[in-house]
Amino acid sequence: MEKYQEKVAYYLNEFQKYEKKYGNGIPYSITINKGKHSGHIIFSSLVHGNEVGSLPGILKCIDDIISNKIKFFGKVSFFLGNIEACLKNLRFVESDLNRSFGENYKGALSKERKRALEIMPLLKQADVYFDFHQTIMPCLKPFYIFEMNKQSYYWARAAGVANTLVTRKKGVSFSSAGMCTDEFVRSLHKAGITIELGEKGFHKESEIMSYEIMKRSLKCLDKVFLNHSSIIKLSRKNIDFEFLNIVYREPFHHAKMQLNEGIINFKSITTETKLGVNQFGKDIFSKYSGYILFPKYPKRTENGEAIPPLPGEIFVVADKTKEHPLVWKE
């Protein structure tokens, strides 16, 4: 924990140094405008506070833009989401920041909702937005995750790095708990993209992947807005994704529900795989075969009950799509 705190303190301090010169009025947010075209791309980290893996990559990218090591000619913003949760090594403090966006939010005016209200005016300016996340448990590979949207698909494919896209049909929200950052941007008819870089924490792989995505996306933004290139054509320079669709969600409807230890993201399962036990001590199975995602292991009381608030699902299952999602109607 001490090493985590030291790293977090260092990176946040470095970000604030840039903020003194490039701040845009939103705490823990900066904007660099080279002014050669009107395109505006935004990158974010720490929307879930303890998903810190992209933080070093963001600092490196900012430094390389300022020093012109990365040649960029448009407008780019960076923001860090949930600072208090990050400092406490928590996913969130009062409510999930990544369920707190949108004009029709119906939850409480939590710390996270107040932060979302600070960030939303910036997100409204985005032409393209990438949100860097990490999974709670280990992950066999990085993956993009967002509803099928042509703009977002082409920008994600152009950025590359990850070769898997977990997607869903337009209008299907990621969570019933509220709107995510990328959903908010897509609701404004702009490209909103989330990528999961692997297991939460500081990992060199997450730093490298986030930096490479930013570097490639900045280059693409210049080509689209300065050279009038087609993002469709730029995307086709990379191989297409492996597409998966979420086919099942197991509700986390009782605090005594518990998964077996060691379930990781993209573990292959069948309907006969024992995944845990419910509140009655009976085995939990998935109703569909596929790949398990987002298994939840919340902290528990001495009698084994998960400490509230409970996540909406204890796990979800994704499987390969039967057709290319571009054929789905938007």
Protein backbone atom coordinates (compact mmCIF):
# COMPACT_ATOMS: atom_id res chain seq x y z
CA MET A 1 0.00 0.00 0.00
CA GLU A 2 2.84 2.38 0.84
CA LYS A 3 4.43 1.87 -2.59
CA TYR A 4 1.06 2.51 -4.24
CA GLN A 5 0.59 5.72 -2.28
CA GLU A 6 4.09 6.93 -3.18
CA LYS A 7 3.51 6.31 -6.89
CA VAL A 8 0.08 7.92 -6.86
CA ALA A 9 1.38 10.99 -5.03
CA TYR A 10 4.23 11.34 -7.53
CA TYR A 11 2.06 11.09 -10.65
CA LEU A 12 -0.67 13.36 -9.31
CA ASN A 13 1.93 15.95 -8.38
CA GLU A 14 3.42 15.75 -11.89
CA PHE A 15 -0.01 16.20 -13.45
CA GLN A 16 -0.66 19.27 -11.29
CA LYS A 17 2.61 20.81 -12.51
CA TYR A 18 1.21 20.67 -16.05
CA GLU A 19 -2.14 21.94 -14.79
CA LYS A 20 -0.53 25.16 -13.57
CA LYS A 21 0.30 26.05 -17.18
CA TYR A 22 -2.31 24.18 -19.19
CA GLY A 23 -5.27 24.06 -16.81
CA ASN A 24 -8.71 24.62 -18.33
CA GLY A 25 -10.63 25.53 -15.17
CA ILE A 26 -11.65 21.95 -14.32
CA PRO A 27 -9.67 20.43 -11.43
CA TYR A 28 -7.21 17.74 -12.52
CA SER A 29 -7.71 18.55 -16.18
CA ILE A 30 -5.52 20.16 -18.81
CA THR A 31 -5.90 21.28 -22.43
CA ILE A 32 -3.11 21.76 -24.96
CA ASN A 33 -4.16 23.54 -28.13
CA LYS A 34 -1.70 23.71 -31.03
CA GLY A 35 -4.33 25.57 -33.05
CA LYS A 36 -3.65 24.18 -36.54
CA HIS A 37 -7.09 22.56 -36.87
CA SER A 38 -10.38 22.36 -34.96
CA GLY A 39 -10.24 18.70 -33.90
CA HIS A 40 -10.41 18.01 -30.16
CA ILE A 41 -9.54 14.65 -28.61
CA ILE A 42 -9.88 13.84 -24.90
CA PHE A 43 -8.24 11.09 -22.83
CA SER A 44 -9.12 10.15 -19.26
CA SER A 45 -7.78 8.04 -16.43
CA LEU A 46 -8.90 7.27 -12.85
CA VAL A 47 -12.62 7.41 -13.62
CA HIS A 48 -12.49 4.43 -11.29
CA GLY A 49 -10.00 5.65 -8.73
CA ASN A 50 -7.88 2.54 -8.27
CA GLU A 51 -7.53 1.83 -12.01
CA VAL A 52 -4.24 3.70 -12.21
CA GLY A 53 -2.42 1.79 -14.96
CA SER A 54 -2.76 4.47 -17.65
CA LEU A 55 -1.58 7.30 -15.39
CA PRO A 56 2.15 6.97 -16.25
CA GLY A 57 1.27 6.72 -19.95
CA ILE A 58 -0.77 9.91 -19.78
CA LEU A 59 2.08 11.80 -18.11
CA LYS A 60 4.51 10.55 -20.76
CA CYS A 61 2.13 11.53 -23.55
CA ILE A 62 1.66 15.04 -22.15
CA ASP A 63 5.41 15.51 -21.85
CA ASP A 64 6.01 14.26 -25.40
CA ILE A 65 3.36 16.60 -26.84
CA ILE A 66 4.81 19.60 -25.02
CA SER A 67 8.38 18.71 -26.09
CA ASN A 68 7.22 18.01 -29.67
CA LYS A 69 8.48 14.45 -29.50
CA ILE A 70 4.92 13.68 -30.54
CA LYS A 71 4.10 15.92 -33.48
CA PHE A 72 0.52 17.07 -32.97
CA PHE A 73 -1.31 20.06 -34.42
CA GLY A 74 -4.79 20.10 -32.87
CA LYS A 75 -6.42 20.27 -29.46
CA VAL A 76 -6.06 17.60 -26.78
CA SER A 77 -7.38 17.42 -23.23
CA PHE A 78 -6.61 15.04 -20.39
CA PHE A 79 -8.54 14.61 -17.16
CA LEU A 80 -8.20 12.45 -14.09
CA GLY A 81 -11.54 11.30 -12.73
CA ASN A 82 -11.88 10.27 -9.10
CA ILE A 83 -8.90 11.67 -7.21
CA GLU A 84 -10.20 10.99 -3.69
CA ALA A 85 -10.90 7.35 -4.54
CA CYS A 86 -7.47 7.07 -6.16
CA LEU A 87 -5.72 8.36 -3.05
CA LYS A 88 -7.66 5.86 -0.92
CA ASN A 89 -7.02 3.00 -3.40
CA LEU A 90 -10.77 2.60 -3.87
CA ARG A 91 -12.97 2.17 -6.94
CA PHE A 92 -15.18 5.02 -5.71
CA VAL A 93 -16.04 6.84 -2.47
CA GLU A 94 -19.82 7.35 -2.40
CA SER A 95 -21.06 6.16 -5.79
CA ASP A 96 -19.61 4.97 -9.09
CA LEU A 97 -18.34 7.96 -11.07
CA ASN A 98 -18.69 5.91 -14.26
CA ARG A 99 -22.45 5.65 -13.67
CA SER A 100 -22.91 9.34 -12.83
CA PHE A 101 -23.03 11.10 -16.20
CA GLY A 102 -25.83 12.45 -18.35
CA GLU A 103 -28.54 15.05 -18.05
CA ASN A 104 -31.14 12.53 -16.85
CA TYR A 105 -29.17 11.21 -13.88
CA LYS A 106 -31.54 10.10 -11.12
CA GLY A 107 -29.17 9.18 -8.29
CA ALA A 108 -28.09 11.10 -5.22
CA LEU A 109 -25.90 14.20 -5.42
CA SER A 110 -22.84 12.23 -4.34
CA LYS A 111 -19.21 13.33 -4.55
CA GLU A 112 -18.98 11.40 -7.80
CA ARG A 113 -22.05 13.06 -9.33
CA LYS A 114 -20.59 16.47 -8.43
CA ARG A 115 -17.36 15.44 -10.18
CA ALA A 116 -19.32 14.27 -13.23
CA LEU A 117 -21.00 17.68 -13.40
CA GLU A 118 -17.53 19.29 -13.43
CA ILE A 119 -16.34 17.02 -16.24
CA MET A 120 -19.41 17.03 -18.50
CA PRO A 121 -18.81 20.52 -20.00
CA LEU A 122 -15.38 19.35 -21.15
CA LEU A 123 -16.72 16.10 -22.61
CA LYS A 124 -19.27 18.12 -24.59
CA GLN A 125 -16.34 19.62 -26.51
CA ALA A 126 -14.89 16.27 -27.60
CA ASP A 127 -14.79 15.04 -31.17
CA VAL A 128 -13.16 11.82 -29.97
CA TYR A 129 -12.87 10.46 -26.43
CA PHE A 130 -10.88 7.54 -25.01
CA ASP A 131 -11.44 6.40 -21.42
CA PHE A 132 -8.76 4.12 -19.96
CA HIS A 133 -9.91 1.48 -17.49
CA GLN A 134 -8.65 -1.72 -15.89
CA THR A 135 -10.44 -4.80 -14.63
CA ILE A 136 -10.71 -5.71 -10.96
CA MET A 137 -9.38 -9.25 -11.54
CA PRO A 138 -6.56 -10.44 -13.84
CA CYS A 139 -7.40 -10.34 -17.55
CA LEU A 140 -6.12 -12.61 -20.32
CA LYS A 141 -6.03 -9.76 -22.84
CA PRO A 142 -6.86 -6.05 -23.21
CA PHE A 143 -10.18 -5.22 -24.86
CA TYR A 144 -12.32 -2.36 -26.04
CA ILE A 145 -15.86 -2.22 -24.71
CA PHE A 146 -18.66 0.03 -25.99
CA GLU A 147 -22.00 -0.21 -27.79
CA MET A 148 -21.73 -0.59 -31.56
CA ASN A 149 -21.33 2.86 -33.01
CA LYS A 150 -19.65 3.39 -36.36
CA GLN A 151 -17.59 6.44 -35.39
CA SER A 152 -16.35 4.81 -32.19
CA TYR A 153 -15.63 1.51 -33.95
CA TYR A 154 -13.51 3.14 -36.66
CA TRP A 155 -11.54 5.25 -34.16
CA ALA A 156 -10.90 2.27 -31.89
CA ARG A 157 -9.78 0.11 -34.81
CA ALA A 158 -7.51 2.92 -36.04
CA ALA A 159 -5.95 3.15 -32.58
CA GLY A 160 -5.54 -0.62 -32.42
CA VAL A 161 -3.33 -2.21 -29.74
CA ALA A 162 -6.22 -4.37 -28.46
CA ASN A 163 -7.77 -6.80 -30.94
CA THR A 164 -11.02 -7.60 -29.11
CA LEU A 165 -14.18 -5.50 -28.92
CA VAL A 166 -16.92 -6.43 -26.49
CA THR A 167 -19.92 -4.66 -27.93
CA ARG A 168 -23.69 -4.44 -27.84
CA LYS A 169 -26.48 -3.04 -29.97
CA LYS A 170 -27.20 0.68 -29.99
CA GLY A 171 -29.43 1.78 -27.14
CA VAL A 172 -28.42 -1.04 -24.81
CA SER A 173 -26.83 0.61 -21.79
CA PHE A 174 -23.79 -0.90 -20.11
CA SER A 175 -25.39 -0.72 -16.68
CA SER A 176 -28.83 0.06 -15.32
CA ALA A 177 -27.10 2.01 -12.53
CA GLY A 178 -26.37 5.01 -14.76
CA MET A 179 -24.51 6.48 -17.72
CA CYS A 180 -20.78 5.98 -18.33
CA THR A 181 -18.42 8.64 -19.71
CA ASP A 182 -18.20 7.07 -23.17
CA GLU A 183 -21.99 6.66 -23.34
CA PHE A 184 -22.37 10.35 -22.55
CA VAL A 185 -20.04 11.33 -25.41
CA ARG A 186 -21.80 8.99 -27.84
CA SER A 187 -25.14 10.53 -26.80
CA LEU A 188 -23.70 13.76 -28.24
CA HIS A 189 -23.07 11.94 -31.57
CA LYS A 190 -19.31 11.87 -31.14
CA ALA A 191 -16.87 8.96 -30.81
CA GLY A 192 -16.76 7.62 -27.24
CA ILE A 193 -14.51 4.67 -26.51
CA THR A 194 -13.58 2.66 -23.41
CA ILE A 195 -10.66 0.27 -23.26
CA GLU A 196 -9.77 -2.16 -20.47
CA LEU A 197 -5.98 -2.41 -20.26
CA GLY A 198 -5.75 -5.42 -17.93
CA GLU A 199 -5.78 -5.90 -14.17
CA LYS A 200 -5.98 -2.76 -12.03
CA GLY A 201 -2.80 -1.30 -10.64
CA PHE A 202 0.52 -0.05 -11.95
CA HIS A 203 1.71 -2.38 -14.72
CA LYS A 204 4.24 -1.57 -17.43
CA GLU A 205 1.99 -3.17 -20.04
CA SER A 206 -0.86 -0.78 -19.22
CA GLU A 207 1.47 2.20 -19.46
CA ILE A 208 2.78 1.09 -22.87
CA MET A 209 -0.66 0.27 -24.28
CA SER A 210 -2.29 3.52 -23.16
CA TYR A 211 0.61 5.58 -24.50
CA GLU A 212 0.52 3.81 -27.87
CA ILE A 213 -3.25 4.32 -28.20
CA MET A 214 -2.88 8.03 -27.44
CA LYS A 215 0.03 8.43 -29.84
CA ARG A 216 -1.82 6.71 -32.69
CA SER A 217 -5.08 8.56 -32.01
CA LEU A 218 -3.38 11.94 -32.00
CA LYS A 219 -1.83 11.13 -35.37
CA CYS A 220 -5.21 10.06 -36.72
CA LEU A 221 -6.86 13.25 -35.45
CA ASP A 222 -4.34 15.33 -37.39
CA LYS A 223 -4.91 13.28 -40.52
CA VAL A 224 -8.70 13.57 -40.28
CA PHE A 225 -8.96 17.26 -39.36
CA LEU A 226 -5.83 18.67 -41.01
CA ASN A 227 -5.39 16.45 -44.06
CA HIS A 228 -9.08 15.52 -44.47
CA SER A 229 -8.31 11.81 -44.41
CA SER A 230 -11.08 9.27 -43.82
CA ILE A 231 -11.07 7.56 -40.42
CA ILE A 232 -12.63 4.57 -42.17
CA LYS A 233 -9.62 4.23 -44.45
CA LEU A 234 -7.21 4.84 -41.57
CA SER A 235 -8.90 2.12 -39.52
CA ARG A 236 -8.47 -0.44 -42.29
CA LYS A 237 -4.70 -0.29 -41.89
CA ASN A 238 -5.21 -2.46 -38.79
CA ILE A 239 -6.76 -5.92 -38.61
CA ASP A 240 -10.40 -6.05 -37.63
CA PHE A 241 -11.53 -6.96 -34.13
CA GLU A 242 -12.66 -10.20 -32.66
CA PHE A 243 -16.21 -9.26 -31.65
CA LEU A 244 -17.98 -10.45 -28.53
CA ASN A 245 -21.42 -9.60 -27.22
CA ILE A 246 -22.61 -9.83 -23.62
CA VAL A 247 -25.16 -12.65 -23.57
CA TYR A 248 -25.79 -13.06 -19.85
CA ARG A 249 -25.65 -11.07 -16.61
CA GLU A 250 -25.87 -12.75 -13.20
CA PRO A 251 -27.54 -10.28 -10.80
CA PHE A 252 -25.73 -9.66 -7.51
CA HIS A 253 -29.04 -9.70 -5.65
CA HIS A 254 -27.92 -10.98 -2.24
CA ALA A 255 -24.92 -10.17 -0.06
CA LYS A 256 -24.19 -13.86 0.61
CA MET A 257 -23.66 -14.67 -3.07
CA GLN A 258 -20.00 -15.47 -3.62
CA LEU A 259 -17.83 -16.53 -6.55
CA ASN A 260 -15.17 -19.23 -6.36
CA GLU A 261 -11.68 -17.85 -5.91
CA GLY A 262 -9.45 -17.21 -8.91
CA ILE A 263 -11.96 -16.51 -11.69
CA ILE A 264 -10.30 -14.22 -14.21
CA ASN A 265 -11.54 -12.19 -17.16
CA PHE A 266 -11.95 -14.16 -20.40
CA LYS A 267 -11.98 -17.51 -18.62
CA SER A 268 -13.87 -19.90 -20.90
CA ILE A 269 -16.94 -21.42 -19.21
CA THR A 270 -19.90 -23.63 -20.06
CA THR A 271 -23.33 -23.90 -18.54
CA GLU A 272 -21.93 -26.71 -16.39
CA THR A 273 -19.06 -24.71 -14.89
CA LYS A 274 -19.54 -24.17 -11.15
CA LEU A 275 -18.83 -20.49 -10.55
CA GLY A 276 -19.76 -19.96 -6.90
CA VAL A 277 -22.65 -20.24 -4.47
CA ASN A 278 -25.83 -18.26 -3.93
CA GLN A 279 -27.37 -17.14 -0.63
CA PHE A 280 -28.71 -20.65 -0.05
CA GLY A 281 -25.34 -22.33 -0.58
CA LYS A 282 -26.37 -23.75 -3.95
CA ASP A 283 -24.00 -23.69 -6.92
CA ILE A 284 -24.14 -20.74 -9.32
CA PHE A 285 -24.07 -21.55 -13.04
CA SER A 286 -24.26 -19.35 -16.11
CA LYS A 287 -27.27 -19.76 -18.36
CA TYR A 288 -24.95 -19.38 -21.36
CA SER A 289 -21.50 -20.65 -22.34
CA GLY A 290 -18.82 -18.18 -23.35
CA TYR A 291 -16.21 -16.05 -21.65
CA ILE A 292 -16.68 -14.66 -18.16
CA LEU A 293 -16.08 -10.94 -17.63
CA PHE A 294 -16.04 -8.59 -14.64
CA PRO A 295 -16.18 -11.19 -11.83
CA LYS A 296 -16.80 -9.37 -8.56
CA TYR A 297 -15.00 -10.01 -5.27
CA PRO A 298 -16.21 -7.31 -2.86
CA LYS A 299 -14.95 -6.98 0.69
CA ARG A 300 -17.00 -9.03 3.14
CA THR A 301 -18.03 -8.99 6.79
CA GLU A 302 -16.98 -11.68 9.26
CA ASN A 303 -20.11 -13.68 8.46
CA GLY A 304 -19.31 -13.64 4.75
CA GLU A 305 -21.75 -11.02 3.53
CA ALA A 306 -20.59 -8.59 0.86
CA ILE A 307 -20.29 -5.04 2.17
CA PRO A 308 -22.77 -2.68 0.43
CA PRO A 309 -23.30 -1.18 -2.03
CA LEU A 310 -23.55 -4.38 -4.06
CA PRO A 311 -22.52 -4.24 -7.73
CA GLY A 312 -25.35 -4.75 -10.21
CA GLU A 313 -23.92 -8.06 -11.43
CA ILE A 314 -21.61 -10.61 -9.85
CA PHE A 315 -20.36 -11.55 -13.33
CA VAL A 316 -21.31 -11.28 -17.00
CA VAL A 317 -20.75 -13.67 -19.89
CA ALA A 318 -19.75 -12.66 -23.41
CA ASP A 319 -19.65 -14.80 -26.52
CA LYS A 320 -18.53 -14.30 -30.12
CA THR A 321 -21.03 -12.50 -32.34
CA LYS A 322 -22.58 -14.45 -35.20
CA GLU A 323 -22.12 -11.57 -37.64
CA HIS A 324 -20.08 -8.40 -38.00
CA PRO A 325 -21.69 -5.77 -35.73
CA LEU A 326 -21.62 -3.20 -38.53
CA VAL A 327 -24.65 -4.97 -39.98
CA TRP A 328 -26.60 -4.16 -36.82
CA LYS A 329 -28.94 -1.23 -37.24
CA GLU A 330 -27.90 1.87 -35.33
